[in-house]
Amino acid sequence: MKILNWLDEHFEEYILVFLSAFTVVVIFMQVVMRYVFGNSLAWSEEISRYAFIWLIYIGVSYGVKRNKHLGVDALSMLFQRKGRLIIAMIANISFLIFALVMTYYGVDIVARVTRTSAALQIPLFWVYLAPVAGMILTSIRLLQNMAYDLKDYRSVKKDEDFKNLDRKESLASQEEKTV
């Protein structure tokens, strides 16, 4: 269970740090090779591009996990907490539908890819798998966010019920005092 909690908290972070560092190192090596040694690496630009593609799609999942993805909050600012939670759930459901559609069609595309990359000669299957993996992770994070939002919605509803109950009791005690 401890391992699952660790993966839940840090999975995307470690992948993103690794891919970022890897991309920087490879591009730095290319710059050094080109300007210091007067020669270039044939594979560096290609592998950097592929690492960046993976970085983007894993980054989408990380953004969803941390609730740092782009969103328009003008409409939700008009509502109290309960309304904001409803709007957040609708947005998460819409994003989940998008992620699932991307995953579905992405799997179909990955199944059809038979080419290899020009410089590295690796199957392009691995490059085309990035959106699928990213959207699967994003779907998992969206489902987690929706579970948290539902839990918050229920607690807000209970708090409002208690407030209404407190108001009713307060009104009843005031009526008893006046009678």
Protein backbone atom coordinates (compact mmCIF):
# COMPACT_ATOMS: atom_id res chain seq x y z
CA MET A 1 0.00 0.00 0.00
CA LYS A 2 2.89 2.32 0.78
CA ILE A 3 4.28 1.78 -2.73
CA LEU A 4 0.91 2.60 -4.30
CA ASN A 5 0.66 5.81 -2.29
CA TRP A 6 4.17 6.78 -3.35
CA LEU A 7 3.35 6.07 -7.00
CA ASP A 8 0.14 8.06 -6.68
CA GLU A 9 2.03 11.04 -5.32
CA HIS A 10 5.25 10.98 -7.37
CA PHE A 11 4.87 8.90 -10.54
CA GLU A 12 4.52 11.75 -13.03
CA GLU A 13 7.01 13.96 -11.20
CA TYR A 14 9.90 11.52 -11.56
CA ILE A 15 9.12 10.80 -15.19
CA LEU A 16 8.94 14.52 -15.96
CA VAL A 17 12.19 15.29 -14.15
CA PHE A 18 13.96 12.44 -15.95
CA LEU A 19 12.65 13.43 -19.38
CA SER A 20 13.49 17.10 -18.82
CA ALA A 21 17.02 16.33 -17.66
CA PHE A 22 17.52 13.84 -20.48
CA THR A 23 16.39 16.38 -23.09
CA VAL A 24 18.65 19.10 -21.68
CA VAL A 25 21.67 16.77 -21.58
CA VAL A 26 21.16 15.54 -25.14
CA ILE A 27 20.67 19.05 -26.54
CA PHE A 28 23.69 20.30 -24.58
CA MET A 29 25.76 17.45 -26.01
CA GLN A 30 24.60 18.41 -29.51
CA VAL A 31 25.61 22.05 -28.98
CA VAL A 32 29.03 21.05 -27.64
CA MET A 33 29.57 18.60 -30.50
CA ARG A 34 28.55 21.14 -33.12
CA TYR A 35 30.40 24.24 -31.86
CA VAL A 36 33.40 22.75 -30.06
CA PHE A 37 34.17 19.70 -32.15
CA GLY A 38 32.68 20.87 -35.45
CA ASN A 39 30.65 17.68 -35.79
CA SER A 40 27.06 16.89 -34.90
CA LEU A 41 25.15 13.92 -33.59
CA ALA A 42 22.66 12.53 -36.10
CA TRP A 43 20.28 11.16 -33.48
CA SER A 44 20.17 13.95 -30.87
CA GLU A 45 17.42 16.09 -32.37
CA GLU A 46 15.20 13.09 -33.00
CA ILE A 47 15.50 11.61 -29.51
CA SER A 48 15.02 15.06 -27.94
CA ARG A 49 11.86 15.54 -29.96
CA TYR A 50 10.49 12.17 -28.88
CA ALA A 51 11.36 12.78 -25.23
CA PHE A 52 9.63 16.17 -25.45
CA ILE A 53 6.49 14.55 -26.88
CA TRP A 54 6.39 12.13 -23.93
CA LEU A 55 7.08 15.05 -21.59
CA ILE A 56 4.04 16.92 -22.88
CA TYR A 57 1.57 14.07 -22.48
CA ILE A 58 2.81 13.02 -19.04
CA GLY A 59 2.73 16.72 -18.13
CA VAL A 60 -0.99 16.85 -18.95
CA SER A 61 -1.59 14.15 -16.35
CA TYR A 62 0.57 15.97 -13.82
CA GLY A 63 -1.31 19.22 -14.44
CA VAL A 64 -4.63 17.46 -13.86
CA LYS A 65 -3.32 15.81 -10.70
CA ARG A 66 -2.25 19.15 -9.23
CA ASN A 67 -5.27 21.05 -10.64
CA LYS A 68 -2.88 23.35 -12.48
CA HIS A 69 -4.23 22.79 -15.98
CA LEU A 70 -5.73 25.61 -17.99
CA GLY A 71 -9.28 26.47 -17.23
CA VAL A 72 -11.72 29.34 -17.42
CA ASP A 73 -13.01 30.25 -13.99
CA ALA A 74 -15.15 33.27 -14.88
CA LEU A 75 -18.37 31.26 -14.68
CA SER A 76 -17.46 29.46 -11.47
CA MET A 77 -16.65 32.75 -9.74
CA LEU A 78 -20.35 33.59 -9.87
CA PHE A 79 -21.26 30.69 -7.58
CA GLN A 80 -20.70 29.62 -4.00
CA ARG A 81 -18.69 26.52 -3.12
CA LYS A 82 -21.44 24.05 -4.05
CA GLY A 83 -21.91 25.60 -7.50
CA ARG A 84 -18.18 25.68 -8.09
CA LEU A 85 -17.93 21.99 -7.27
CA ILE A 86 -20.74 21.18 -9.72
CA ILE A 87 -19.01 23.17 -12.46
CA ALA A 88 -15.70 21.44 -11.65
CA MET A 89 -17.40 18.03 -11.91
CA ILE A 90 -18.93 18.94 -15.28
CA ALA A 91 -15.53 20.14 -16.53
CA ASN A 92 -13.85 16.95 -15.29
CA ILE A 93 -16.48 14.77 -16.96
CA SER A 94 -16.02 16.67 -20.24
CA PHE A 95 -12.24 16.34 -20.02
CA LEU A 96 -12.60 12.63 -19.17
CA ILE A 97 -14.72 12.07 -22.28
CA PHE A 98 -12.06 13.84 -24.36
CA ALA A 99 -9.26 11.77 -22.78
CA LEU A 100 -11.12 8.52 -23.38
CA VAL A 101 -11.83 9.40 -27.01
CA MET A 102 -8.15 10.31 -27.49
CA THR A 103 -7.15 7.00 -25.91
CA TYR A 104 -9.56 5.00 -28.06
CA TYR A 105 -8.41 6.52 -31.35
CA GLY A 106 -4.78 6.61 -30.17
CA VAL A 107 -4.78 2.86 -29.60
CA ASP A 108 -6.11 2.40 -33.12
CA ILE A 109 -3.33 4.57 -34.55
CA VAL A 110 -0.63 2.84 -32.48
CA ALA A 111 -1.84 -0.54 -33.75
CA ARG A 112 -1.38 0.61 -37.37
CA VAL A 113 2.11 2.12 -37.04
CA THR A 114 4.76 0.01 -38.73
CA ARG A 115 7.48 2.56 -39.57
CA THR A 116 10.76 3.20 -37.80
CA SER A 117 12.44 6.52 -37.05
CA ALA A 118 15.02 7.85 -39.48
CA ALA A 119 18.08 8.33 -37.27
CA LEU A 120 17.50 5.99 -34.33
CA GLN A 121 15.72 3.21 -36.22
CA ILE A 122 13.35 2.66 -33.28
CA PRO A 123 9.74 1.70 -33.98
CA LEU A 124 7.53 4.81 -34.13
CA PHE A 125 5.10 2.76 -32.09
CA TRP A 126 6.86 4.17 -28.99
CA VAL A 127 6.37 7.75 -30.11
CA TYR A 128 2.71 7.28 -31.01
CA LEU A 129 2.15 5.55 -27.66
CA ALA A 130 2.83 8.82 -25.78
CA PRO A 131 -0.68 10.32 -26.24
CA VAL A 132 -2.28 7.01 -25.28
CA ALA A 133 -0.22 6.64 -22.10
CA GLY A 134 -0.69 10.30 -21.22
CA MET A 135 -4.45 10.19 -21.70
CA ILE A 136 -4.77 6.97 -19.68
CA LEU A 137 -2.89 8.62 -16.82
CA THR A 138 -4.99 11.75 -17.27
CA SER A 139 -8.18 9.68 -17.10
CA ILE A 140 -7.03 8.11 -13.83
CA ARG A 141 -6.23 11.54 -12.38
CA LEU A 142 -9.57 12.92 -13.55
CA LEU A 143 -11.42 10.07 -11.87
CA GLN A 144 -9.47 10.79 -8.67
CA ASN A 145 -10.34 14.50 -8.89
CA MET A 146 -13.99 13.67 -9.47
CA ALA A 147 -14.01 11.42 -6.39
CA TYR A 148 -12.50 14.24 -4.29
CA ASP A 149 -15.00 16.75 -5.71
CA LEU A 150 -17.89 14.41 -4.96
CA LYS A 151 -16.64 13.96 -1.41
CA ASP A 152 -16.34 17.75 -1.00
CA TYR A 153 -19.82 18.22 -2.49
CA ARG A 154 -21.30 15.79 0.01
CA SER A 155 -19.54 17.52 2.91
CA VAL A 156 -20.79 20.92 1.70
CA LYS A 157 -24.30 19.52 1.47
CA LYS A 158 -24.04 18.10 5.01
CA ASP A 159 -22.69 21.42 6.28
CA GLU A 160 -25.64 23.23 4.68
CA ASP A 161 -28.04 20.69 6.23
CA PHE A 162 -26.47 21.34 9.62
CA LYS A 163 -26.69 25.09 9.07
CA ASN A 164 -30.36 24.73 8.12
CA LEU A 165 -30.93 22.52 11.15
CA ASP A 166 -29.15 25.03 13.38
CA ARG A 167 -31.28 27.83 11.87
CA LYS A 168 -34.47 25.85 12.48
CA GLU A 169 -33.45 25.11 16.07
CA SER A 170 -32.52 28.75 16.55
CA LEU A 171 -35.87 29.89 15.18
CA ALA A 172 -37.69 27.34 17.35
CA SER A 173 -35.86 28.50 20.48
CA GLN A 174 -36.62 32.13 19.64
CA GLU A 175 -40.31 31.27 19.22
CA GLU A 176 -40.31 29.49 22.59
CA LYS A 177 -38.78 32.56 24.25
CA THR A 178 -41.40 34.85 22.74
CA VAL A 179 -44.31 32.58 23.71
